[in-house]
Each structure stands twice: as C-alpha cells, then as structure tokens.
N, C-alpha and C. Protein backbone atom coordinates (compact mmCIF):
# COMPACT_ATOMS: atom_id res chain seq x y z
N MET A 1 -20.21 56.76 -12.36
CA MET A 1 -20.79 55.44 -12.24
C MET A 1 -20.07 54.43 -13.09
N ARG A 2 -18.84 54.59 -13.22
CA ARG A 2 -18.07 53.65 -14.02
C ARG A 2 -18.08 52.27 -13.37
N SER A 3 -18.07 52.19 -12.04
CA SER A 3 -18.03 50.88 -11.40
C SER A 3 -19.30 50.10 -11.70
N GLY A 4 -20.42 50.76 -11.92
CA GLY A 4 -21.67 50.08 -12.25
C GLY A 4 -21.62 49.45 -13.62
N ARG A 5 -20.90 50.05 -14.54
CA ARG A 5 -20.81 49.55 -15.90
C ARG A 5 -20.06 48.22 -15.95
N TYR A 6 -19.10 47.98 -15.05
CA TYR A 6 -18.30 46.76 -15.04
C TYR A 6 -18.80 45.74 -14.03
N ALA A 7 -19.74 46.09 -13.22
CA ALA A 7 -20.18 45.19 -12.14
C ALA A 7 -20.79 43.91 -12.70
N LEU A 8 -21.63 43.99 -13.69
CA LEU A 8 -22.26 42.78 -14.23
C LEU A 8 -21.26 41.85 -14.91
N PRO A 9 -20.37 42.33 -15.79
CA PRO A 9 -19.39 41.40 -16.39
C PRO A 9 -18.46 40.79 -15.34
N VAL A 10 -18.03 41.57 -14.36
CA VAL A 10 -17.14 41.04 -13.33
C VAL A 10 -17.87 40.01 -12.50
N ALA A 11 -19.13 40.27 -12.16
CA ALA A 11 -19.93 39.32 -11.39
C ALA A 11 -20.15 38.03 -12.21
N SER A 12 -20.37 38.14 -13.49
CA SER A 12 -20.56 36.97 -14.35
C SER A 12 -19.33 36.12 -14.41
N ILE A 13 -18.15 36.74 -14.52
CA ILE A 13 -16.89 36.01 -14.55
C ILE A 13 -16.64 35.33 -13.22
N ALA A 14 -16.89 36.04 -12.13
CA ALA A 14 -16.69 35.45 -10.81
C ALA A 14 -17.62 34.26 -10.60
N LEU A 15 -18.86 34.38 -11.03
CA LEU A 15 -19.83 33.28 -10.86
C LEU A 15 -19.41 32.08 -11.72
N ALA A 16 -18.97 32.32 -12.94
CA ALA A 16 -18.53 31.23 -13.82
C ALA A 16 -17.30 30.53 -13.25
N THR A 17 -16.39 31.31 -12.68
CA THR A 17 -15.20 30.73 -12.06
C THR A 17 -15.58 29.91 -10.84
N LEU A 18 -16.47 30.42 -10.03
CA LEU A 18 -16.90 29.71 -8.84
C LEU A 18 -17.62 28.41 -9.18
N VAL A 19 -18.53 28.44 -10.13
CA VAL A 19 -19.25 27.24 -10.52
C VAL A 19 -18.32 26.25 -11.21
N GLY A 20 -17.47 26.73 -12.08
CA GLY A 20 -16.52 25.87 -12.79
C GLY A 20 -15.53 25.24 -11.82
N GLY A 21 -15.09 25.98 -10.83
CA GLY A 21 -14.13 25.46 -9.87
C GLY A 21 -14.71 24.41 -8.95
N CYS A 22 -16.02 24.41 -8.77
CA CYS A 22 -16.66 23.44 -7.87
C CYS A 22 -17.14 22.19 -8.59
N SER A 23 -17.10 22.21 -9.92
CA SER A 23 -17.59 21.03 -10.62
C SER A 23 -16.61 19.88 -10.48
N HIS A 24 -17.12 18.68 -10.48
CA HIS A 24 -16.30 17.48 -10.38
C HIS A 24 -16.24 16.80 -11.72
N PRO A 25 -15.09 16.27 -12.11
CA PRO A 25 -15.02 15.58 -13.39
C PRO A 25 -15.84 14.29 -13.35
N ALA A 26 -16.25 13.87 -14.50
CA ALA A 26 -16.98 12.61 -14.60
C ALA A 26 -16.06 11.47 -14.13
N PRO A 27 -16.62 10.38 -13.63
CA PRO A 27 -15.76 9.28 -13.14
C PRO A 27 -14.69 8.82 -14.10
N ALA A 28 -14.99 8.81 -15.40
CA ALA A 28 -14.00 8.36 -16.37
C ALA A 28 -12.83 9.34 -16.49
N GLU A 29 -13.04 10.60 -16.11
CA GLU A 29 -12.00 11.59 -16.22
C GLU A 29 -11.13 11.67 -14.99
N ARG A 30 -11.54 11.06 -13.89
CA ARG A 30 -10.77 11.13 -12.66
C ARG A 30 -9.50 10.32 -12.75
N ALA A 31 -8.52 10.70 -11.96
CA ALA A 31 -7.26 9.98 -11.93
C ALA A 31 -7.50 8.55 -11.43
N THR A 32 -6.75 7.61 -11.98
CA THR A 32 -6.95 6.20 -11.61
C THR A 32 -5.82 5.68 -10.74
N ALA A 33 -4.98 6.57 -10.19
CA ALA A 33 -3.91 6.10 -9.31
C ALA A 33 -4.50 5.45 -8.08
N PRO A 34 -3.97 4.32 -7.66
CA PRO A 34 -4.53 3.65 -6.50
C PRO A 34 -4.27 4.43 -5.22
N THR A 35 -5.21 4.33 -4.30
CA THR A 35 -5.03 4.97 -3.00
C THR A 35 -4.17 4.07 -2.14
N SER A 36 -3.67 4.59 -1.03
CA SER A 36 -2.82 3.78 -0.18
C SER A 36 -3.58 2.59 0.39
N SER A 37 -4.90 2.75 0.64
CA SER A 37 -5.64 1.60 1.13
C SER A 37 -5.82 0.55 0.04
N ALA A 38 -5.94 0.96 -1.21
CA ALA A 38 -6.02 -0.03 -2.30
C ALA A 38 -4.73 -0.79 -2.44
N VAL A 39 -3.61 -0.08 -2.29
CA VAL A 39 -2.32 -0.74 -2.39
C VAL A 39 -2.15 -1.73 -1.26
N SER A 40 -2.53 -1.32 -0.04
CA SER A 40 -2.35 -2.23 1.10
C SER A 40 -3.28 -3.44 0.98
N GLN A 41 -4.44 -3.29 0.36
CA GLN A 41 -5.34 -4.43 0.20
C GLN A 41 -4.78 -5.40 -0.85
N ALA A 42 -4.10 -4.88 -1.87
CA ALA A 42 -3.53 -5.75 -2.89
C ALA A 42 -2.35 -6.51 -2.31
N GLY A 43 -1.59 -5.88 -1.42
CA GLY A 43 -0.46 -6.55 -0.74
C GLY A 43 0.78 -6.65 -1.60
N ILE A 44 1.83 -7.11 -0.96
CA ILE A 44 3.08 -7.37 -1.65
C ILE A 44 3.53 -8.79 -1.31
N ASP A 45 4.39 -9.34 -2.15
CA ASP A 45 4.94 -10.66 -1.89
C ASP A 45 6.10 -10.54 -0.94
N LEU A 46 6.19 -11.50 -0.04
CA LEU A 46 7.28 -11.55 0.92
C LEU A 46 7.63 -13.02 1.14
N TRP A 47 8.91 -13.35 1.01
CA TRP A 47 9.39 -14.71 1.22
C TRP A 47 9.93 -14.81 2.64
N VAL A 48 9.63 -15.89 3.34
CA VAL A 48 10.11 -16.13 4.68
C VAL A 48 10.99 -17.37 4.63
N GLY A 49 12.20 -17.24 5.20
CA GLY A 49 13.20 -18.30 5.12
C GLY A 49 12.92 -19.50 6.00
N PRO A 50 13.67 -20.57 5.79
CA PRO A 50 13.45 -21.82 6.49
C PRO A 50 13.91 -21.83 7.94
N ARG A 51 14.69 -20.83 8.35
CA ARG A 51 15.21 -20.76 9.72
C ARG A 51 15.00 -19.37 10.27
N PRO A 52 14.84 -19.26 11.59
CA PRO A 52 14.82 -17.90 12.17
C PRO A 52 16.22 -17.30 12.12
N CYS A 53 16.33 -16.04 12.44
CA CYS A 53 17.64 -15.39 12.51
C CYS A 53 18.50 -16.14 13.55
N ALA A 54 19.80 -16.13 13.34
CA ALA A 54 20.72 -16.89 14.20
C ALA A 54 20.69 -16.40 15.66
N ASP A 55 20.54 -15.11 15.87
CA ASP A 55 20.65 -14.57 17.21
C ASP A 55 19.32 -14.43 17.95
N GLU A 56 18.18 -14.48 17.26
CA GLU A 56 16.88 -14.29 17.88
C GLU A 56 15.87 -15.30 17.33
N PRO A 57 15.34 -16.17 18.14
CA PRO A 57 14.38 -17.16 17.62
C PRO A 57 13.07 -16.57 17.13
N THR A 58 12.71 -15.36 17.56
CA THR A 58 11.46 -14.74 17.09
C THR A 58 11.67 -13.89 15.85
N CYS A 59 12.92 -13.73 15.43
CA CYS A 59 13.26 -12.94 14.25
C CYS A 59 13.17 -13.83 12.99
N LEU A 60 12.48 -13.35 11.98
CA LEU A 60 12.34 -14.10 10.72
C LEU A 60 13.33 -13.59 9.68
N GLN A 61 13.75 -14.49 8.80
CA GLN A 61 14.55 -14.09 7.65
C GLN A 61 13.58 -13.91 6.49
N VAL A 62 13.61 -12.73 5.88
CA VAL A 62 12.66 -12.42 4.81
C VAL A 62 13.35 -11.75 3.65
N LYS A 63 12.67 -11.77 2.50
CA LYS A 63 13.12 -11.03 1.32
C LYS A 63 11.90 -10.75 0.46
N GLN A 64 11.97 -9.67 -0.31
CA GLN A 64 10.85 -9.28 -1.17
C GLN A 64 11.00 -9.75 -2.60
N ASN A 65 12.10 -10.46 -2.87
CA ASN A 65 12.37 -10.98 -4.22
C ASN A 65 13.05 -12.32 -4.00
N PRO A 66 12.63 -13.37 -4.70
CA PRO A 66 13.24 -14.68 -4.46
C PRO A 66 14.73 -14.73 -4.75
N ASP A 67 15.26 -13.81 -5.53
CA ASP A 67 16.70 -13.81 -5.87
C ASP A 67 17.52 -12.90 -4.98
N SER A 68 16.91 -12.19 -4.05
CA SER A 68 17.67 -11.28 -3.19
C SER A 68 18.16 -12.00 -1.94
N THR A 69 18.93 -11.33 -1.11
CA THR A 69 19.47 -11.94 0.11
C THR A 69 18.48 -11.80 1.25
N TRP A 70 18.59 -12.71 2.23
CA TRP A 70 17.73 -12.70 3.39
C TRP A 70 18.05 -11.52 4.29
N GLU A 71 17.02 -10.91 4.85
CA GLU A 71 17.18 -9.79 5.79
C GLU A 71 16.35 -10.12 7.04
N PRO A 72 16.78 -9.60 8.20
CA PRO A 72 16.03 -9.90 9.43
C PRO A 72 14.74 -9.08 9.52
N LEU A 73 13.69 -9.72 10.04
CA LEU A 73 12.43 -9.05 10.34
C LEU A 73 12.10 -9.36 11.78
N ARG A 74 12.28 -8.43 12.65
CA ARG A 74 12.10 -8.66 14.09
C ARG A 74 10.67 -8.43 14.56
N GLU A 75 9.87 -7.69 13.79
CA GLU A 75 8.50 -7.37 14.20
C GLU A 75 7.53 -8.53 14.05
N GLY A 76 7.85 -9.51 13.25
CA GLY A 76 6.91 -10.59 12.98
C GLY A 76 5.86 -10.15 11.97
N ILE A 77 4.94 -11.07 11.67
CA ILE A 77 3.87 -10.80 10.70
C ILE A 77 2.57 -11.17 11.40
N ALA A 78 1.69 -10.21 11.59
CA ALA A 78 0.41 -10.43 12.28
C ALA A 78 -0.43 -11.45 11.49
N GLY A 79 -0.91 -12.46 12.18
CA GLY A 79 -1.76 -13.48 11.55
C GLY A 79 -0.98 -14.63 10.94
N PHE A 80 0.35 -14.61 11.03
CA PHE A 80 1.17 -15.67 10.46
C PHE A 80 1.88 -16.45 11.55
N THR A 81 1.74 -17.76 11.52
CA THR A 81 2.44 -18.63 12.46
C THR A 81 3.59 -19.31 11.72
N TYR A 82 4.80 -18.94 12.07
CA TYR A 82 6.00 -19.44 11.42
C TYR A 82 6.31 -20.85 11.90
N GLN A 83 6.66 -21.72 10.96
CA GLN A 83 7.09 -23.07 11.28
C GLN A 83 8.46 -23.30 10.60
N PRO A 84 9.53 -23.50 11.38
CA PRO A 84 10.86 -23.71 10.80
C PRO A 84 10.89 -24.90 9.87
N GLY A 85 11.78 -24.85 8.89
CA GLY A 85 11.94 -25.96 7.96
C GLY A 85 11.17 -25.78 6.64
N PHE A 86 10.48 -24.65 6.52
CA PHE A 86 9.71 -24.36 5.31
C PHE A 86 10.08 -22.97 4.80
N VAL A 87 9.99 -22.82 3.48
CA VAL A 87 10.12 -21.52 2.85
C VAL A 87 8.70 -21.12 2.43
N TYR A 88 8.30 -19.94 2.86
CA TYR A 88 6.96 -19.45 2.57
C TYR A 88 7.02 -18.31 1.58
N GLN A 89 6.04 -18.26 0.72
CA GLN A 89 5.76 -17.07 -0.07
C GLN A 89 4.44 -16.53 0.43
N LEU A 90 4.48 -15.33 0.98
CA LEU A 90 3.28 -14.74 1.57
C LEU A 90 2.83 -13.52 0.79
N LYS A 91 1.57 -13.20 0.91
CA LYS A 91 1.03 -11.92 0.46
C LYS A 91 0.74 -11.15 1.75
N VAL A 92 1.42 -10.02 1.92
CA VAL A 92 1.29 -9.23 3.15
C VAL A 92 0.91 -7.78 2.83
N ALA A 93 0.41 -7.10 3.86
CA ALA A 93 0.09 -5.68 3.74
C ALA A 93 0.71 -4.96 4.90
N ALA A 94 0.97 -3.71 4.70
CA ALA A 94 1.50 -2.87 5.79
C ALA A 94 0.45 -2.75 6.87
N ALA A 95 0.88 -2.84 8.11
CA ALA A 95 -0.01 -2.70 9.25
C ALA A 95 0.59 -1.67 10.21
N ALA A 96 -0.16 -1.29 11.20
CA ALA A 96 0.31 -0.25 12.14
C ALA A 96 1.63 -0.66 12.80
N ALA A 97 1.78 -1.94 13.10
CA ALA A 97 2.99 -2.39 13.80
C ALA A 97 3.80 -3.36 12.95
N GLY A 98 3.95 -3.09 11.68
CA GLY A 98 4.76 -3.97 10.81
C GLY A 98 3.97 -4.51 9.65
N TRP A 99 3.85 -5.84 9.58
CA TRP A 99 3.17 -6.50 8.47
C TRP A 99 1.97 -7.29 8.95
N ARG A 100 0.99 -7.47 8.06
CA ARG A 100 -0.22 -8.25 8.31
C ARG A 100 -0.37 -9.25 7.18
N LEU A 101 -0.62 -10.50 7.53
CA LEU A 101 -0.79 -11.57 6.54
C LEU A 101 -2.10 -11.41 5.79
N ILE A 102 -2.04 -11.48 4.47
CA ILE A 102 -3.24 -11.53 3.63
C ILE A 102 -3.49 -12.97 3.22
N ALA A 103 -2.42 -13.64 2.73
CA ALA A 103 -2.57 -15.03 2.31
C ALA A 103 -1.21 -15.71 2.25
N ILE A 104 -1.23 -17.03 2.46
CA ILE A 104 -0.04 -17.83 2.23
C ILE A 104 -0.13 -18.32 0.80
N VAL A 105 0.78 -17.87 -0.05
CA VAL A 105 0.78 -18.24 -1.47
C VAL A 105 1.36 -19.63 -1.67
N ARG A 106 2.52 -19.87 -1.01
CA ARG A 106 3.21 -21.18 -1.12
C ARG A 106 3.84 -21.52 0.21
N ARG A 107 3.98 -22.81 0.45
CA ARG A 107 4.72 -23.32 1.61
C ARG A 107 5.46 -24.55 1.11
N ASP A 108 6.78 -24.43 0.96
CA ASP A 108 7.62 -25.52 0.42
C ASP A 108 8.61 -25.97 1.47
N PRO A 109 8.87 -27.28 1.54
CA PRO A 109 9.93 -27.75 2.45
C PRO A 109 11.26 -27.16 2.03
N ALA A 110 12.11 -26.82 3.02
CA ALA A 110 13.44 -26.29 2.72
C ALA A 110 14.31 -27.37 2.10
N ASP A 111 15.23 -26.96 1.28
CA ASP A 111 16.16 -27.91 0.64
C ASP A 111 17.16 -28.45 1.62
C-alpha cells in the first residue's frame, strides 16, 4: 500500500498547482502593454501633401514624419476628403482597407 501513503501529498500538490494556475493577478499586477485596438484608437500622425501623385489623381502623397520624403498612397483615407493646395496633418488609424480618419489636426495652405 505504498501508493496510498503518497496519494494525499500528491493530490494536495496537484490541487495547489491547479488552483494557483487558475488565479488571475490583481489589476495592478497585469501587463499594461496596449492592445492593438487601443493603438488603433490612439492613431498615428500622417501628413498629406499639397498635390496628388503625378500619375494618378486619386493617389495622395503622404509621409509619417514632417521631415521625411513624400510617398504615394493609392488606397486613400476613409472619411477624408482631399482638397489640393493644402498640407494636412491627420490622425489616422489602420482600417481593413487601408487608413481611416480619426481627426484633422492641421490644414495649412501650401507654400
């Protein structure tokens, strides 16, 4: 009956492991890394140039940093109506088919 002698301690360890493994940390102990939905709600800055791309009138010139070079964006930005002759600073979020406008931060006449 050796197995009977160890059954209670083994069962106690298994139960403690099971209960401990199922416990959830207090809210203050949980990781605070933002979820992808939190990141998309916060948005990113995107600058839109004063002219469309040279070869496609529906293509926008954009950059994610005011000091970087313009790059083409052919998908457009959902909720944004582009008007040539202005430089826009937008707050955008990733969407299923490209970008979605959160807010127009600035709209300045082109130089």
